[in-house]
C-alpha atoms as a PDB file:
ATOM      1  CA  MET A   1      74.488 111.689 111.657  1.00  0.00           C
ATOM      2  CA  ASP A   2      73.853 109.529 108.587  1.00  0.00           C
ATOM      3  CA  ALA A   3      77.436 108.274 108.701  1.00  0.00           C
ATOM      4  CA  ILE A   4      76.967 107.281 112.350  1.00  0.00           C
ATOM      5  CA  LYS A   5      73.779 105.398 111.480  1.00  0.00           C
ATOM      6  CA  VAL A   6      75.510 103.536 108.667  1.00  0.00           C
ATOM      7  CA  ARG A   7      78.421 102.523 110.929  1.00  0.00           C
ATOM      8  CA  PHE A   8      76.034 101.455 113.694  1.00  0.00           C
ATOM      9  CA  LYS A   9      73.999  99.367 111.270  1.00  0.00           C
ATOM     10  CA  SER A  10      77.131  97.716 109.909  1.00  0.00           C
ATOM     11  CA  LEU A  11      78.131  96.922 113.504  1.00  0.00           C
ATOM     12  CA  TYR A  12      74.935  95.343 114.759  1.00  0.00           C
ATOM     13  CA  THR A  13      74.340  93.413 111.513  1.00  0.00           C
ATOM     14  CA  HIS A  14      77.856  91.967 111.357  1.00  0.00           C
ATOM     15  CA  PRO A  15      77.759  88.158 111.732  1.00  0.00           C
ATOM     16  CA  ALA A  16      80.621  88.267 114.257  1.00  0.00           C
ATOM     17  CA  VAL A  17      78.379  90.248 116.620  1.00  0.00           C
ATOM     18  CA  TYR A  18      75.703  87.544 116.428  1.00  0.00           C
ATOM     19  CA  LEU A  19      78.348  84.897 117.092  1.00  0.00           C
ATOM     20  CA  LEU A  20      79.622  86.719 120.187  1.00  0.00           C
ATOM     21  CA  ILE A  21      76.076  87.239 121.511  1.00  0.00           C
ATOM     22  CA  PHE A  22      75.349  83.547 121.041  1.00  0.00           C
ATOM     23  CA  LEU A  23      78.592  82.517 122.737  1.00  0.00           C
ATOM     24  CA  SER A  24      77.936  84.845 125.679  1.00  0.00           C
ATOM     25  CA  LEU A  25      74.661  82.993 126.348  1.00  0.00           C
ATOM     26  CA  VAL A  26      76.145  79.485 126.194  1.00  0.00           C
ATOM     27  CA  PRO A  27      76.775  79.049 129.971  1.00  0.00           C
ATOM     28  CA  MET A  28      73.112  79.855 130.660  1.00  0.00           C
ATOM     29  CA  PHE A  29      71.892  76.973 128.507  1.00  0.00           C
ATOM     30  CA  LEU A  30      74.903  74.658 128.768  1.00  0.00           C
ATOM     31  CA  PRO A  31      76.122  74.763 132.384  1.00  0.00           C
ATOM     32  CA  SER A  32      77.900  71.388 132.179  1.00  0.00           C
ATOM     33  CA  PRO A  33      81.597  71.784 133.206  1.00  0.00           C
ATOM     34  CA  TYR A  34      82.556  69.263 130.532  1.00  0.00           C
ATOM     35  CA  TRP A  35      80.971  71.223 127.704  1.00  0.00           C
ATOM     36  CA  LEU A  36      82.267  74.521 129.030  1.00  0.00           C
ATOM     37  CA  HIS A  37      85.750  72.985 128.934  1.00  0.00           C
ATOM     38  CA  VAL A  38      85.163  71.972 125.309  1.00  0.00           C
ATOM     39  CA  MET A  39      83.954  75.482 124.471  1.00  0.00           C
ATOM     40  CA  ILE A  40      87.013  77.063 126.105  1.00  0.00           C
ATOM     41  CA  MET A  41      89.346  74.871 124.054  1.00  0.00           C
ATOM     42  CA  ALA A  42      87.285  75.650 120.946  1.00  0.00           C
ATOM     43  CA  GLY A  43      87.763  79.356 121.668  1.00  0.00           C
ATOM     44  CA  LEU A  44      91.533  78.903 121.885  1.00  0.00           C
ATOM     45  CA  TYR A  45      91.538  77.098 118.545  1.00  0.00           C
ATOM     46  CA  ALA A  46      89.365  79.885 117.133  1.00  0.00           C
ATOM     47  CA  ILE A  47      92.044  82.418 118.150  1.00  0.00           C
ATOM     48  CA  LEU A  48      94.658  80.210 116.479  1.00  0.00           C
ATOM     49  CA  ALA A  49      92.604  79.847 113.290  1.00  0.00           C
ATOM     50  CA  VAL A  50      91.818  83.570 113.060  1.00  0.00           C
ATOM     51  CA  SER A  51      95.464  84.552 113.593  1.00  0.00           C
ATOM     52  CA  TRP A  52      96.586  82.005 110.973  1.00  0.00           C
ATOM     53  CA  ASP A  53      94.000  83.408 108.573  1.00  0.00           C
ATOM     54  CA  LEU A  54      95.485  86.888 108.886  1.00  0.00           C
ATOM     55  CA  LEU A  55      98.896  85.594 107.869  1.00  0.00           C
ATOM     56  CA  VAL A  56      97.811  83.223 105.098  1.00  0.00           C
ATOM     57  CA  GLY A  57      94.342  84.318 104.020  1.00  0.00           C
ATOM     58  CA  TYR A  58      95.110  88.048 103.910  1.00  0.00           C
ATOM     59  CA  CYS A  59      98.865  88.360 103.452  1.00  0.00           C
ATOM     60  CA  GLY A  60      99.386  85.173 101.448  1.00  0.00           C
ATOM     61  CA  GLN A  61     102.300  83.889 103.551  1.00  0.00           C
ATOM     62  CA  VAL A  62     101.820  80.124 103.643  1.00  0.00           C
ATOM     63  CA  SER A  63     102.869  79.017 107.119  1.00  0.00           C
ATOM     64  CA  PHE A  64     102.669  75.553 108.668  1.00  0.00           C
ATOM     65  CA  GLY A  65     104.550  76.395 111.854  1.00  0.00           C
ATOM     66  CA  HIS A  66     101.701  78.007 113.766  1.00  0.00           C
ATOM     67  CA  ALA A  67     101.747  75.361 116.480  1.00  0.00           C
ATOM     68  CA  GLY A  68     105.335  76.397 117.209  1.00  0.00           C
ATOM     69  CA  PHE A  69     104.182  79.866 118.290  1.00  0.00           C
ATOM     70  CA  TYR A  70     101.357  78.284 120.257  1.00  0.00           C
ATOM     71  CA  GLY A  71     103.828  76.070 122.120  1.00  0.00           C
ATOM     72  CA  ILE A  72     106.314  78.902 122.702  1.00  0.00           C
ATOM     73  CA  GLY A  73     103.590  81.070 124.211  1.00  0.00           C
ATOM     74  CA  ALA A  74     102.441  78.217 126.436  1.00  0.00           C
ATOM     75  CA  TYR A  75     105.910  77.283 127.721  1.00  0.00           C
ATOM     76  CA  VAL A  76     107.269  80.804 128.222  1.00  0.00           C
ATOM     77  CA  SER A  77     104.132  81.833 130.090  1.00  0.00           C
ATOM     78  CA  ALA A  78     104.159  78.654 132.200  1.00  0.00           C
ATOM     79  CA  LEU A  79     107.874  78.851 133.056  1.00  0.00           C
ATOM     80  CA  SER A  80     107.563  82.540 133.942  1.00  0.00           C
ATOM     81  CA  ALA A  81     104.613  81.890 136.238  1.00  0.00           C
ATOM     82  CA  LEU A  82     106.367  78.926 137.878  1.00  0.00           C
ATOM     83  CA  SER A  83     109.354  81.176 138.577  1.00  0.00           C
ATOM     84  CA  GLY A  84     107.156  83.543 140.582  1.00  0.00           C
ATOM     85  CA  ILE A  85     106.057  86.093 137.978  1.00  0.00           C
ATOM     86  CA  SER A  86     102.369  87.033 137.952  1.00  0.00           C
ATOM     87  CA  PRO A  87     100.417  84.800 135.515  1.00  0.00           C
ATOM     88  CA  TRP A  88      98.974  87.923 133.876  1.00  0.00           C
ATOM     89  CA  LEU A  89     102.448  89.271 133.182  1.00  0.00           C
ATOM     90  CA  SER A  90     103.599  85.777 132.211  1.00  0.00           C
ATOM     91  CA  LEU A  91     100.834  85.624 129.606  1.00  0.00           C
ATOM     92  CA  LEU A  92     102.065  88.880 128.113  1.00  0.00           C
ATOM     93  CA  LEU A  93     105.685  87.664 128.174  1.00  0.00           C
ATOM     94  CA  GLY A  94     104.693  84.456 126.403  1.00  0.00           C
ATOM     95  CA  SER A  95     102.808  86.358 123.714  1.00  0.00           C
ATOM     96  CA  LEU A  96     105.639  88.845 123.183  1.00  0.00           C
ATOM     97  CA  THR A  97     108.212  86.042 123.022  1.00  0.00           C
ATOM     98  CA  ALA A  98     106.151  84.239 120.382  1.00  0.00           C
ATOM     99  CA  MET A  99     105.859  87.524 118.459  1.00  0.00           C
ATOM    100  CA  THR A 100     109.618  88.162 118.686  1.00  0.00           C
ATOM    101  CA  ILE A 101     110.419  84.702 117.373  1.00  0.00           C
ATOM    102  CA  GLY A 102     107.814  85.191 114.661  1.00  0.00           C
ATOM    103  CA  VAL A 103     109.655  88.323 113.539  1.00  0.00           C
ATOM    104  CA  LEU A 104     113.015  86.499 113.648  1.00  0.00           C
ATOM    105  CA  ILE A 105     111.548  83.708 111.502  1.00  0.00           C
ATOM    106  CA  ALA A 106     109.928  86.142 109.074  1.00  0.00           C
ATOM    107  CA  LEU A 107     113.098  88.146 108.354  1.00  0.00           C
ATOM    108  CA  PRO A 108     115.153  85.345 106.734  1.00  0.00           C
ATOM    109  CA  CYS A 109     112.053  83.781 105.154  1.00  0.00           C
ATOM    110  CA  ALA A 110     110.748  87.004 103.598  1.00  0.00           C
ATOM    111  CA  LYS A 111     112.108  86.181 100.142  1.00  0.00           C
ATOM    112  CA  LEU A 112     110.648  82.663 100.178  1.00  0.00           C
ATOM    113  CA  ARG A 113     107.308  82.029  98.528  1.00  0.00           C
ATOM    114  CA  GLY A 114     104.791  79.240  98.135  1.00  0.00           C
ATOM    115  CA  PRO A 115     106.059  75.738  98.922  1.00  0.00           C
ATOM    116  CA  TYR A 116     109.522  76.994  99.927  1.00  0.00           C
ATOM    117  CA  LEU A 117     108.056  79.162 102.678  1.00  0.00           C
ATOM    118  CA  ALA A 118     105.753  76.321 103.705  1.00  0.00           C
ATOM    119  CA  VAL A 119     108.683  73.909 104.087  1.00  0.00           C
ATOM    120  CA  ALA A 120     110.685  76.486 106.062  1.00  0.00           C
ATOM    121  CA  THR A 121     107.821  77.038 108.519  1.00  0.00           C
ATOM    122  CA  ILE A 122     107.294  73.287 108.868  1.00  0.00           C
ATOM    123  CA  GLY A 123     110.950  73.066 109.822  1.00  0.00           C
ATOM    124  CA  PHE A 124     110.507  75.798 112.427  1.00  0.00           C
ATOM    125  CA  GLY A 125     107.507  73.982 113.921  1.00  0.00           C
ATOM    126  CA  GLU A 126     109.346  70.669 114.095  1.00  0.00           C
ATOM    127  CA  ILE A 127     112.445  72.277 115.640  1.00  0.00           C
ATOM    128  CA  THR A 128     110.287  73.926 118.292  1.00  0.00           C
ATOM    129  CA  TYR A 129     108.568  70.617 119.071  1.00  0.00           C
ATOM    130  CA  LEU A 130     111.884  68.760 119.350  1.00  0.00           C
ATOM    131  CA  ILE A 131     113.377  71.438 121.618  1.00  0.00           C
ATOM    132  CA  LEU A 132     110.393  71.242 123.952  1.00  0.00           C
ATOM    133  CA  LEU A 133     110.622  67.459 123.912  1.00  0.00           C
ATOM    134  CA  ASN A 134     114.373  67.099 124.468  1.00  0.00           C
ATOM    135  CA  TRP A 135     115.394  70.119 126.575  1.00  0.00           C
ATOM    136  CA  VAL A 136     114.549  68.131 129.689  1.00  0.00           C
ATOM    137  CA  GLU A 137     116.371  70.421 132.122  1.00  0.00           C
ATOM    138  CA  VAL A 138     113.967  73.268 131.311  1.00  0.00           C
ATOM    139  CA  THR A 139     110.809  71.759 129.823  1.00  0.00           C
ATOM    140  CA  ARG A 140     110.883  68.365 131.619  1.00  0.00           C
ATOM    141  CA  GLY A 141     110.590  66.731 128.210  1.00  0.00           C
ATOM    142  CA  SER A 142     107.694  64.371 127.590  1.00  0.00           C
ATOM    143  CA  LEU A 143     106.607  64.740 131.235  1.00  0.00           C
ATOM    144  CA  GLY A 144     105.553  68.306 130.513  1.00  0.00           C
ATOM    145  CA  LEU A 145     105.063  71.087 133.039  1.00  0.00           C
ATOM    146  CA  GLY A 146     102.521  70.728 135.818  1.00  0.00           C
ATOM    147  CA  GLY A 147     101.252  72.902 138.609  1.00  0.00           C
ATOM    148  CA  ILE A 148     101.013  76.000 136.406  1.00  0.00           C
ATOM    149  CA  PRO A 149      99.285  78.673 138.522  1.00  0.00           C
ATOM    150  CA  PRO A 150      95.937  79.932 137.235  1.00  0.00           C
ATOM    151  CA  PHE A 151      95.194  83.616 136.827  1.00  0.00           C
ATOM    152  CA  PRO A 152      94.835  85.525 140.115  1.00  0.00           C
ATOM    153  CA  TRP A 153      91.763  87.610 140.966  1.00  0.00           C
ATOM    154  CA  VAL A 154      89.659  85.290 138.781  1.00  0.00           C
ATOM    155  CA  PRO A 155      87.732  82.379 140.349  1.00  0.00           C
ATOM    156  CA  TYR A 156      89.086  79.112 138.981  1.00  0.00           C
ATOM    157  CA  THR A 157      85.780  77.872 137.598  1.00  0.00           C
ATOM    158  CA  LYS A 158      84.753  76.836 134.102  1.00  0.00           C
ATOM    159  CA  VAL A 159      82.228  79.656 133.851  1.00  0.00           C
ATOM    160  CA  PHE A 160      84.687  82.426 134.737  1.00  0.00           C
ATOM    161  CA  TYR A 161      87.382  81.004 132.483  1.00  0.00           C
ATOM    162  CA  TYR A 162      84.850  80.639 129.701  1.00  0.00           C
ATOM    163  CA  TYR A 163      84.036  84.337 129.820  1.00  0.00           C
ATOM    164  CA  LEU A 164      87.736  85.148 130.133  1.00  0.00           C
ATOM    165  CA  MET A 165      88.356  83.128 126.977  1.00  0.00           C
ATOM    166  CA  LEU A 166      85.450  84.910 125.309  1.00  0.00           C
ATOM    167  CA  SER A 167      87.022  88.262 126.220  1.00  0.00           C
ATOM    168  CA  PHE A 168      90.335  87.300 124.608  1.00  0.00           C
ATOM    169  CA  PHE A 169      88.505  85.895 121.582  1.00  0.00           C
ATOM    170  CA  SER A 170      86.484  89.117 121.212  1.00  0.00           C
ATOM    171  CA  LEU A 171      89.666  91.171 121.480  1.00  0.00           C
ATOM    172  CA  THR A 172      91.293  89.019 118.802  1.00  0.00           C
ATOM    173  CA  LEU A 173      88.339  89.439 116.433  1.00  0.00           C
ATOM    174  CA  PHE A 174      88.231  93.191 117.039  1.00  0.00           C
ATOM    175  CA  ILE A 175      91.944  93.714 116.353  1.00  0.00           C
ATOM    176  CA  MET A 176      91.880  91.432 113.312  1.00  0.00           C
ATOM    177  CA  TYR A 177      88.886  93.223 111.785  1.00  0.00           C
ATOM    178  CA  LYS A 178      90.414  96.628 112.474  1.00  0.00           C
ATOM    179  CA  THR A 179      93.674  95.461 110.900  1.00  0.00           C
ATOM    180  CA  VAL A 180      92.237  93.950 107.717  1.00  0.00           C
ATOM    181  CA  ASN A 181      89.925  96.934 107.160  1.00  0.00           C
ATOM    182  CA  SER A 182      92.726  99.469 107.529  1.00  0.00           C
ATOM    183  CA  ASN A 183      95.471 100.584 105.168  1.00  0.00           C
ATOM    184  CA  ILE A 184      97.592  97.793 106.640  1.00  0.00           C
ATOM    185  CA  GLY A 185      95.040  95.215 105.559  1.00  0.00           C
ATOM    186  CA  LEU A 186      94.911  96.784 102.101  1.00  0.00           C
ATOM    187  CA  ARG A 187      98.665  96.352 101.785  1.00  0.00           C
ATOM    188  CA  PHE A 188      98.422  92.768 103.062  1.00  0.00           C
ATOM    189  CA  ARG A 189      95.951  91.935 100.286  1.00  0.00           C
ATOM    190  CA  ALA A 190      98.111  93.686  97.698  1.00  0.00           C
ATOM    191  CA  ILE A 191     101.070  91.487  98.684  1.00  0.00           C
ATOM    192  CA  ARG A 192      98.856  88.395  98.630  1.00  0.00           C
ATOM    193  CA  ASP A 193      97.453  89.124  95.169  1.00  0.00           C
ATOM    194  CA  ASP A 194     100.671  90.221  93.461  1.00  0.00           C
ATOM    195  CA  GLU A 195     103.805  90.836  95.505  1.00  0.00           C
ATOM    196  CA  LEU A 196     105.808  92.137  92.538  1.00  0.00           C
ATOM    197  CA  LEU A 197     103.131  94.663  91.634  1.00  0.00           C
ATOM    198  CA  ALA A 198     102.853  95.678  95.306  1.00  0.00           C
ATOM    199  CA  SER A 199     106.579  96.392  95.430  1.00  0.00           C
ATOM    200  CA  VAL A 200     106.279  98.401  92.194  1.00  0.00           C
ATOM    201  CA  MET A 201     103.566 100.441  93.913  1.00  0.00           C
ATOM    202  CA  ARG A 202     106.205 101.270  96.545  1.00  0.00           C
ATOM    203  CA  ILE A 203     104.753  99.036  99.264  1.00  0.00           C
ATOM    204  CA  ASN A 204     107.462  97.842 101.634  1.00  0.00           C
ATOM    205  CA  THR A 205     106.697  94.136 101.242  1.00  0.00           C
ATOM    206  CA  LEU A 206     109.339  93.058 103.768  1.00  0.00           C
ATOM    207  CA  LEU A 207     107.906  95.326 106.450  1.00  0.00           C
ATOM    208  CA  TYR A 208     104.326  94.146 105.977  1.00  0.00           C
ATOM    209  CA  LYS A 209     105.254  90.474 105.753  1.00  0.00           C
ATOM    210  CA  VAL A 210     107.120  90.776 109.046  1.00  0.00           C
ATOM    211  CA  LEU A 211     104.189  92.703 110.535  1.00  0.00           C
ATOM    212  CA  ALA A 212     101.767  89.939 109.490  1.00  0.00           C
ATOM    213  CA  PHE A 213     104.007  87.323 111.137  1.00  0.00           C
ATOM    214  CA  ALA A 214     104.292  89.475 114.264  1.00  0.00           C
ATOM    215  CA  ILE A 215     100.539  89.954 114.743  1.00  0.00           C
ATOM    216  CA  SER A 216      99.731  86.346 113.896  1.00  0.00           C
ATOM    217  CA  SER A 217     102.389  84.850 116.197  1.00  0.00           C
ATOM    218  CA  PHE A 218     101.442  87.194 119.063  1.00  0.00           C
ATOM    219  CA  PHE A 219      97.876  85.890 119.170  1.00  0.00           C
ATOM    220  CA  ALA A 220      99.028  82.292 118.711  1.00  0.00           C
ATOM    221  CA  GLY A 221     101.259  82.772 121.767  1.00  0.00           C
ATOM    222  CA  LEU A 222      98.355  84.370 123.625  1.00  0.00           C
ATOM    223  CA  ALA A 223      96.200  81.304 122.987  1.00  0.00           C
ATOM    224  CA  GLY A 224      99.004  79.004 124.130  1.00  0.00           C
ATOM    225  CA  GLY A 225      99.650  80.957 127.320  1.00  0.00           C
ATOM    226  CA  PHE A 226      95.971  81.079 128.211  1.00  0.00           C
ATOM    227  CA  GLY A 227      95.626  77.347 127.603  1.00  0.00           C
ATOM    228  CA  GLY A 228      98.500  76.597 129.962  1.00  0.00           C
ATOM    229  CA  HIS A 229      97.056  78.661 132.810  1.00  0.00           C
ATOM    230  CA  PHE A 230      93.621  77.172 132.227  1.00  0.00           C
ATOM    231  CA  ILE A 231      94.580  73.491 132.086  1.00  0.00           C
ATOM    232  CA  THR A 232      97.571  74.023 134.472  1.00  0.00           C
ATOM    233  CA  VAL A 233      99.472  71.290 132.593  1.00  0.00           C
ATOM    234  CA  ILE A 234     101.249  71.484 129.225  1.00  0.00           C
ATOM    235  CA  ALA A 235     103.285  69.043 127.152  1.00  0.00           C
ATOM    236  CA  PRO A 236     105.444  69.283 124.001  1.00  0.00           C
ATOM    237  CA  GLU A 237     102.420  68.147 121.968  1.00  0.00           C
ATOM    238  CA  THR A 238     101.167  71.741 122.140  1.00  0.00           C
ATOM    239  CA  ALA A 239     103.733  72.484 119.411  1.00  0.00           C
ATOM    240  CA  HIS A 240     103.083  69.336 117.351  1.00  0.00           C
ATOM    241  CA  ILE A 241     102.354  69.695 113.660  1.00  0.00           C
ATOM    242  CA  SER A 242      98.971  68.015 114.183  1.00  0.00           C
ATOM    243  CA  VAL A 243      97.843  71.203 115.941  1.00  0.00           C
ATOM    244  CA  THR A 244      98.799  73.223 112.876  1.00  0.00           C
ATOM    245  CA  ALA A 245      96.990  70.741 110.621  1.00  0.00           C
ATOM    246  CA  THR A 246      93.808  71.163 112.658  1.00  0.00           C
ATOM    247  CA  VAL A 247      94.085  74.968 112.511  1.00  0.00           C
ATOM    248  CA  VAL A 248      94.657  74.899 108.739  1.00  0.00           C
ATOM    249  CA  ALA A 249      91.629  72.646 108.302  1.00  0.00           C
ATOM    250  CA  MET A 250      89.493  75.065 110.313  1.00  0.00           C
ATOM    251  CA  ALA A 251      90.592  78.020 108.200  1.00  0.00           C
ATOM    252  CA  VAL A 252      90.118  76.213 104.888  1.00  0.00           C
ATOM    253  CA  ILE A 253      86.708  74.805 105.804  1.00  0.00           C
ATOM    254  CA  GLY A 254      85.468  78.090 107.245  1.00  0.00           C
ATOM    255  CA  GLY A 255      86.883  80.221 104.451  1.00  0.00           C
ATOM    256  CA  ARG A 256      90.312  81.804 104.129  1.00  0.00           C
ATOM    257  CA  GLY A 257      90.495  85.559 104.036  1.00  0.00           C
ATOM    258  CA  THR A 258      87.285  86.072 106.002  1.00  0.00           C
ATOM    259  CA  ILE A 259      88.339  86.078 109.717  1.00  0.00           C
ATOM    260  CA  PHE A 260      84.777  85.086 110.636  1.00  0.00           C
ATOM    261  CA  GLY A 261      84.868  81.786 108.720  1.00  0.00           C
ATOM    262  CA  PRO A 262      87.813  80.179 110.556  1.00  0.00           C
ATOM    263  CA  ALA A 263      86.280  81.222 113.903  1.00  0.00           C
ATOM    264  CA  VAL A 264      82.962  79.521 113.121  1.00  0.00           C
ATOM    265  CA  ALA A 265      84.708  76.421 111.780  1.00  0.00           C
ATOM    266  CA  ALA A 266      86.892  76.206 114.886  1.00  0.00           C
ATOM    267  CA  PHE A 267      83.871  75.985 117.177  1.00  0.00           C
ATOM    268  CA  GLY A 268      82.097  73.589 114.846  1.00  0.00           C
ATOM    269  CA  LEU A 269      85.055  71.227 114.424  1.00  0.00           C
ATOM    270  CA  MET A 270      85.721  71.137 118.159  1.00  0.00           C
ATOM    271  CA  ILE A 271      82.104  70.605 119.231  1.00  0.00           C
ATOM    272  CA  ALA A 272      80.815  68.180 116.581  1.00  0.00           C
ATOM    273  CA  PRO A 273      83.409  65.425 117.255  1.00  0.00           C
ATOM    274  CA  GLU A 274      82.613  65.553 120.984  1.00  0.00           C
ATOM    275  CA  LEU A 275      78.975  64.845 120.177  1.00  0.00           C
ATOM    276  CA  LEU A 276      80.072  61.759 118.248  1.00  0.00           C
ATOM    277  CA  ARG A 277      82.803  60.620 120.655  1.00  0.00           C
ATOM    278  CA  GLU A 278      80.690  57.753 122.040  1.00  0.00           C
ATOM    279  CA  ILE A 279      80.524  56.226 118.573  1.00  0.00           C
ATOM    280  CA  SER A 280      84.249  56.280 117.894  1.00  0.00           C
ATOM    281  CA  PRO A 281      87.224  58.180 119.383  1.00  0.00           C
ATOM    282  CA  TYR A 282      88.727  58.448 115.880  1.00  0.00           C
ATOM    283  CA  LEU A 283      85.648  59.997 114.322  1.00  0.00           C
ATOM    284  CA  ARG A 284      87.043  63.513 114.734  1.00  0.00           C
ATOM    285  CA  VAL A 285      89.927  62.860 112.348  1.00  0.00           C
ATOM    286  CA  PHE A 286      87.583  61.204 109.867  1.00  0.00           C
ATOM    287  CA  LEU A 287      85.089  64.070 110.109  1.00  0.00           C
ATOM    288  CA  ILE A 288      87.736  66.756 109.498  1.00  0.00           C
ATOM    289  CA  GLY A 289      89.154  64.833 106.544  1.00  0.00           C
ATOM    290  CA  LEU A 290      85.725  64.261 105.040  1.00  0.00           C
ATOM    291  CA  LEU A 291      84.749  67.909 105.446  1.00  0.00           C
ATOM    292  CA  LEU A 292      87.997  69.022 103.805  1.00  0.00           C
ATOM    293  CA  ILE A 293      87.310  66.802 100.787  1.00  0.00           C
ATOM    294  CA  VAL A 294      83.707  67.984 100.459  1.00  0.00           C
ATOM    295  CA  VAL A 295      84.614  71.669 100.882  1.00  0.00           C
ATOM    296  CA  MET A 296      87.503  71.525  98.410  1.00  0.00           C
ATOM    297  CA  LYS A 297      85.223  69.800  95.899  1.00  0.00           C
ATOM    298  CA  PHE A 298      82.035  71.846  96.194  1.00  0.00           C
ATOM    299  CA  ALA A 299      83.064  75.081  97.987  1.00  0.00           C
ATOM    300  CA  PRO A 300      86.816  75.667  97.568  1.00  0.00           C
ATOM    301  CA  GLU A 301      86.421  79.211  98.870  1.00  0.00           C
ATOM    302  CA  GLY A 302      85.033  77.853 102.178  1.00  0.00           C
ATOM    303  CA  ILE A 303      81.626  77.457 103.753  1.00  0.00           C
ATOM    304  CA  VAL A 304      81.139  80.999 105.049  1.00  0.00           C
ATOM    305  CA  PRO A 305      81.840  82.731 101.695  1.00  0.00           C
ATOM    306  CA  ARG A 306      79.391  80.310 100.060  1.00  0.00           C
ATOM    307  CA  LEU A 307      76.703  81.299 102.575  1.00  0.00           C
ATOM    308  CA  TYR A 308      77.479  85.021 102.391  1.00  0.00           C
ATOM    309  CA  PRO A 309      74.907  85.788  99.620  1.00  0.00           C
ATOM    310  CA  ILE A 310      72.156  84.466 101.931  1.00  0.00           C
ATOM    311  CA  TYR A 311      73.342  86.715 104.737  1.00  0.00           C
ATOM    312  CA  LYS A 312      73.627  89.675 102.365  1.00  0.00           C
ATOM    313  CA  SER A 313      70.017  89.119 101.249  1.00  0.00           C
ATOM    314  CA  TYR A 314      68.882  89.049 104.887  1.00  0.00           C
ATOM    315  CA  ARG A 315      70.840  92.200 105.688  1.00  0.00           C
ATOM    316  CA  SER A 316      69.280  94.085 102.765  1.00  0.00           C
ATOM    317  CA  GLN A 317      65.830  93.438 104.245  1.00  0.00           C
ATOM    318  CA  LEU A 318      66.647  95.129 107.548  1.00  0.00           C
ATOM    319  CA  PRO A 319      65.090  98.559 108.112  1.00  0.00           C
ATOM    320  CA  LYS A 320      67.192 101.452 106.866  1.00  0.00           C
END
């Protein structure tokens, strides 16, 4: 019974639970279709940032090709749906295709480390972008794909799609937390901290690197597929390196290796620029750059880890 109480307390006092409760109430206080659209896109970027954090923050595999998986998921799901396959099944196909390509990228790159792995993943992202841009017969090039069918059995309204996004985001958080707090997550951190020592301890580093790429790319593809069925239009820019740069900034500002930090930063960095859009359309880029400089100078571990002692103090004051 005591063990159940401890697990229940750890559940209801976890900051991610408070975040999800807050997000579930947003449509009640912010019914504007415009802001719901912004929140849906923020949720998709949160899924991207959290999945990138698993790969880089926990497993230590520096990847700058995350937008490639995002674009693959979006295009495979869109093309499947346009060919007559159910959008729900198309979403799964897009995610699985992104995961498969993630595994195929991870296998030859497994022995690369640091900047060499980063350059290789940049190359993958750029190749994906150029294929989507130039394979006109399939992707329609710079014109993009339009008329992507939305999900059936779900009213095509901002409110319903917001809660659908929130469901996928909650699922992503749940699986990521279960993964990083399992033996798999322990092995990820061992590889991140010292890969040679991990291999000496008889951890199959190749297997767990590939697994990290597989999980991360699956959820990146999921976000891309959902975005395509929500907006009903996609373009090659979904796989542009600028998307990866934004995701990396979210993870670094929020706090790598925390899962919760990149999610919070994703919502913050998507919402704040919209509030300032009337001042300047370029303020978002300036804001992200400024925040990166400030965080790297005063809180290199990220904002959420810096605030964690305050949360820990609050949690200790809760009734036993």
